[in-house]
């Protein structure tokens, strides 16, 4: 039985990243929007998955419907700074 997963239909997200999202309780695009790229990235890392900054950019790209590599470098820097700042506080 093939189960459709709406997350797999978003740009930048593949089987592994979607499995990581499921592991942290994200199953729908709406949840991705609510929790944001930074929060989900931190949750994935906190679960011990070996995700790197590309996942952070991929999540943001999925929200923006653009390839992660096309995200403005300034936004990438801002996202990474937020992820690192919030991670050290948590």
N, C-alpha and C. Protein backbone atom coordinates (compact mmCIF):
# COMPACT_ATOMS: atom_id res chain seq x y z
N UNK A 1 0.85 -1.19 0.00
CA UNK A 1 0.00 0.00 0.00
C UNK A 1 0.88 1.24 0.00
N UNK A 2 0.67 2.12 -0.95
CA UNK A 2 1.44 3.35 -1.05
C UNK A 2 0.67 4.47 -0.36
N UNK A 3 1.34 5.12 0.57
CA UNK A 3 0.72 6.21 1.31
C UNK A 3 1.30 7.52 0.78
N UNK A 4 0.44 8.42 0.37
CA UNK A 4 0.89 9.74 -0.09
C UNK A 4 1.31 10.56 1.12
N UNK A 5 2.42 11.22 1.02
CA UNK A 5 2.91 12.09 2.08
C UNK A 5 3.08 13.47 1.49
N UNK A 6 2.29 14.41 1.96
CA UNK A 6 2.33 15.75 1.38
C UNK A 6 3.70 16.41 1.54
N UNK A 7 4.47 16.02 2.54
CA UNK A 7 5.79 16.61 2.72
C UNK A 7 6.73 16.23 1.59
N UNK A 8 6.56 15.02 1.05
CA UNK A 8 7.41 14.59 -0.06
C UNK A 8 7.16 15.39 -1.33
N UNK A 9 6.04 16.07 -1.38
CA UNK A 9 5.70 16.87 -2.55
C UNK A 9 6.30 18.27 -2.49
N UNK A 10 6.84 18.65 -1.33
CA UNK A 10 7.45 19.97 -1.18
C UNK A 10 8.86 19.97 -1.75
N UNK A 11 9.28 21.13 -2.26
CA UNK A 11 10.64 21.26 -2.78
C UNK A 11 11.64 20.94 -1.69
N UNK A 12 12.73 20.32 -2.08
CA UNK A 12 13.90 20.06 -1.22
C UNK A 12 13.77 18.90 -0.26
N UNK A 13 12.58 18.37 -0.05
CA UNK A 13 12.41 17.33 0.96
C UNK A 13 12.36 15.95 0.31
N UNK A 14 13.22 15.07 0.77
CA UNK A 14 13.27 13.70 0.28
C UNK A 14 12.90 12.72 1.36
N UNK A 15 13.08 11.47 1.07
CA UNK A 15 12.66 10.41 1.99
C UNK A 15 13.30 10.54 3.38
N UNK A 16 14.60 10.75 3.43
CA UNK A 16 15.28 10.83 4.72
C UNK A 16 14.84 12.04 5.52
N UNK A 17 14.81 13.20 4.88
CA UNK A 17 14.41 14.41 5.62
C UNK A 17 12.97 14.30 6.10
N UNK A 18 12.10 13.70 5.30
CA UNK A 18 10.70 13.53 5.72
C UNK A 18 10.62 12.55 6.90
N UNK A 19 11.43 11.52 6.90
CA UNK A 19 11.46 10.60 8.04
C UNK A 19 11.89 11.34 9.31
N UNK A 20 12.88 12.22 9.18
CA UNK A 20 13.31 13.03 10.32
C UNK A 20 12.19 13.92 10.80
N UNK A 21 11.46 14.53 9.86
CA UNK A 21 10.35 15.41 10.24
C UNK A 21 9.28 14.61 10.98
N UNK A 22 8.96 13.44 10.47
CA UNK A 22 7.97 12.58 11.14
C UNK A 22 8.43 12.26 12.56
N UNK A 23 9.72 12.00 12.73
CA UNK A 23 10.26 11.64 14.04
C UNK A 23 10.10 12.77 15.07
N UNK A 24 10.02 14.00 14.59
CA UNK A 24 9.84 15.14 15.51
C UNK A 24 8.41 15.67 15.48
N UNK A 25 7.49 14.89 14.90
CA UNK A 25 6.08 15.23 14.97
C UNK A 25 5.55 16.12 13.86
N UNK A 26 6.29 16.25 12.78
CA UNK A 26 5.83 17.07 11.65
C UNK A 26 5.36 16.13 10.55
N UNK A 27 4.08 16.21 10.22
CA UNK A 27 3.49 15.32 9.23
C UNK A 27 2.78 16.07 8.10
N UNK A 28 2.59 17.37 8.29
CA UNK A 28 1.87 18.17 7.29
C UNK A 28 2.58 19.50 7.08
N UNK A 29 2.37 20.08 5.90
CA UNK A 29 2.98 21.38 5.60
C UNK A 29 2.56 22.42 6.63
N UNK A 30 1.33 22.35 7.05
CA UNK A 30 0.82 23.30 8.05
C UNK A 30 1.69 23.28 9.31
N UNK A 31 2.13 22.11 9.73
CA UNK A 31 2.99 22.00 10.91
C UNK A 31 4.37 22.60 10.64
N UNK A 32 4.84 22.45 9.42
CA UNK A 32 6.11 23.05 9.03
C UNK A 32 6.00 24.58 9.13
N UNK A 33 4.90 25.11 8.66
CA UNK A 33 4.67 26.55 8.72
C UNK A 33 4.60 27.01 10.19
N UNK A 34 3.84 26.29 11.00
CA UNK A 34 3.66 26.68 12.41
C UNK A 34 4.97 26.67 13.20
N UNK A 35 5.77 25.64 13.00
CA UNK A 35 6.99 25.48 13.80
C UNK A 35 8.19 26.18 13.21
N UNK A 36 8.16 26.44 11.91
CA UNK A 36 9.25 27.15 11.26
C UNK A 36 10.48 26.30 11.02
N UNK A 37 11.27 26.73 10.06
CA UNK A 37 12.46 25.98 9.67
C UNK A 37 13.45 25.83 10.82
N UNK A 38 13.69 26.91 11.54
CA UNK A 38 14.68 26.88 12.63
C UNK A 38 14.24 25.92 13.73
N UNK A 39 12.99 26.02 14.16
CA UNK A 39 12.50 25.15 15.24
C UNK A 39 12.54 23.68 14.87
N UNK A 40 12.18 23.38 13.65
CA UNK A 40 12.18 21.98 13.22
C UNK A 40 13.62 21.48 13.07
N UNK A 41 14.48 22.29 12.51
CA UNK A 41 15.89 21.93 12.37
C UNK A 41 16.48 21.60 13.75
N UNK A 42 16.19 22.45 14.72
CA UNK A 42 16.71 22.22 16.08
C UNK A 42 16.14 20.93 16.68
N UNK A 43 14.87 20.68 16.44
CA UNK A 43 14.25 19.46 16.97
C UNK A 43 14.88 18.21 16.35
N UNK A 44 15.15 18.27 15.06
CA UNK A 44 15.78 17.13 14.36
C UNK A 44 17.18 16.89 14.94
N UNK A 45 17.94 17.96 15.11
CA UNK A 45 19.29 17.82 15.68
C UNK A 45 19.23 17.32 17.12
N UNK A 46 18.24 17.79 17.89
CA UNK A 46 18.11 17.37 19.28
C UNK A 46 17.79 15.88 19.39
N UNK A 47 17.14 15.32 18.38
CA UNK A 47 16.84 13.89 18.35
C UNK A 47 18.06 13.06 18.01
N UNK A 48 19.16 13.72 17.68
CA UNK A 48 20.39 13.00 17.40
C UNK A 48 20.65 12.70 15.93
N UNK A 49 19.78 13.18 15.04
CA UNK A 49 20.01 12.96 13.62
C UNK A 49 21.17 13.84 13.15
N UNK A 50 21.93 13.35 12.22
CA UNK A 50 23.13 14.04 11.74
C UNK A 50 22.79 15.04 10.63
N UNK A 51 21.82 15.87 10.88
CA UNK A 51 21.41 16.88 9.91
C UNK A 51 22.40 18.05 9.94
N UNK A 52 22.68 18.59 8.77
CA UNK A 52 23.54 19.76 8.71
C UNK A 52 22.74 20.97 8.24
N UNK A 53 23.42 22.06 8.01
CA UNK A 53 22.73 23.31 7.67
C UNK A 53 21.93 23.21 6.38
N UNK A 54 22.25 22.26 5.52
CA UNK A 54 21.47 22.10 4.28
C UNK A 54 20.02 21.75 4.62
N UNK A 55 19.80 20.97 5.68
CA UNK A 55 18.42 20.68 6.08
C UNK A 55 17.71 21.97 6.47
N UNK A 56 18.37 22.82 7.21
CA UNK A 56 17.78 24.11 7.60
C UNK A 56 17.37 24.90 6.36
N UNK A 57 18.26 24.97 5.39
CA UNK A 57 17.96 25.72 4.17
C UNK A 57 16.87 25.01 3.36
N UNK A 58 16.90 23.69 3.35
CA UNK A 58 15.89 22.92 2.62
C UNK A 58 14.50 23.16 3.21
N UNK A 59 14.42 23.20 4.53
CA UNK A 59 13.13 23.46 5.18
C UNK A 59 12.62 24.85 4.82
N UNK A 60 13.50 25.84 4.87
CA UNK A 60 13.09 27.19 4.52
C UNK A 60 12.69 27.25 3.05
N UNK A 61 13.44 26.59 2.20
CA UNK A 61 13.10 26.55 0.78
C UNK A 61 11.76 25.88 0.54
N UNK A 62 11.46 24.84 1.31
CA UNK A 62 10.15 24.18 1.19
C UNK A 62 9.04 25.15 1.54
N UNK A 63 9.26 25.96 2.55
CA UNK A 63 8.27 26.97 2.93
C UNK A 63 8.10 28.04 1.85
N UNK A 64 9.19 28.37 1.19
CA UNK A 64 9.17 29.43 0.18
C UNK A 64 8.90 28.89 -1.23
N UNK A 65 8.89 27.58 -1.38
CA UNK A 65 8.72 26.92 -2.68
C UNK A 65 9.84 27.29 -3.65
N UNK A 66 11.07 27.28 -3.13
CA UNK A 66 12.26 27.51 -3.95
C UNK A 66 13.32 26.47 -3.60
N UNK A 67 14.24 26.22 -4.52
CA UNK A 67 15.35 25.32 -4.23
C UNK A 67 16.20 25.98 -3.15
N UNK A 68 16.68 25.18 -2.22
CA UNK A 68 17.43 25.74 -1.09
C UNK A 68 18.65 26.54 -1.53
N UNK A 69 19.25 26.16 -2.65
CA UNK A 69 20.44 26.86 -3.11
C UNK A 69 20.12 28.24 -3.66
N UNK A 70 18.84 28.51 -3.95
CA UNK A 70 18.42 29.80 -4.47
C UNK A 70 18.01 30.79 -3.38
N UNK A 71 18.08 30.36 -2.14
CA UNK A 71 17.74 31.26 -1.03
C UNK A 71 18.84 32.31 -0.90
N UNK A 72 18.44 33.53 -0.67
CA UNK A 72 19.38 34.64 -0.51
C UNK A 72 20.42 34.31 0.57
N UNK A 73 21.70 34.54 0.29
CA UNK A 73 22.74 34.25 1.28
C UNK A 73 22.53 34.97 2.61
N UNK A 74 21.97 36.16 2.56
CA UNK A 74 21.70 36.88 3.80
C UNK A 74 20.67 36.17 4.66
N UNK A 75 19.65 35.62 4.02
CA UNK A 75 18.63 34.86 4.76
C UNK A 75 19.24 33.58 5.31
N UNK A 76 20.09 32.93 4.53
CA UNK A 76 20.76 31.72 5.02
C UNK A 76 21.56 32.04 6.28
N UNK A 77 22.30 33.13 6.26
CA UNK A 77 23.10 33.54 7.42
C UNK A 77 22.21 33.81 8.63
N UNK A 78 21.10 34.49 8.38
CA UNK A 78 20.17 34.81 9.47
C UNK A 78 19.58 33.53 10.07
N UNK A 79 19.17 32.59 9.22
CA UNK A 79 18.62 31.33 9.71
C UNK A 79 19.64 30.56 10.54
N UNK A 80 20.87 30.49 10.04
CA UNK A 80 21.91 29.76 10.74
C UNK A 80 22.21 30.41 12.09
N UNK A 81 22.25 31.73 12.12
CA UNK A 81 22.49 32.44 13.38
C UNK A 81 21.36 32.16 14.37
N UNK A 82 20.11 32.17 13.90
CA UNK A 82 18.98 31.88 14.78
C UNK A 82 19.06 30.45 15.30
N UNK A 83 19.41 29.53 14.44
CA UNK A 83 19.49 28.12 14.84
C UNK A 83 20.58 27.92 15.89
N UNK A 84 21.69 28.59 15.72
CA UNK A 84 22.79 28.46 16.67
C UNK A 84 22.48 29.18 17.97
N UNK A 85 21.90 30.37 17.91
CA UNK A 85 21.56 31.12 19.11
C UNK A 85 20.53 30.38 19.94
N UNK A 86 19.44 29.96 19.29
CA UNK A 86 18.38 29.26 20.01
C UNK A 86 18.86 27.93 20.54
N UNK A 87 19.75 27.26 19.79
CA UNK A 87 20.23 25.94 20.23
C UNK A 87 21.03 26.08 21.51
N UNK A 88 21.85 27.13 21.62
CA UNK A 88 22.68 27.29 22.81
C UNK A 88 21.83 27.68 24.02
N UNK A 89 20.67 28.30 23.79
CA UNK A 89 19.79 28.70 24.89
C UNK A 89 18.98 27.51 25.38
N UNK A 90 18.58 26.64 24.49
CA UNK A 90 17.71 25.51 24.83
C UNK A 90 18.36 24.57 25.80
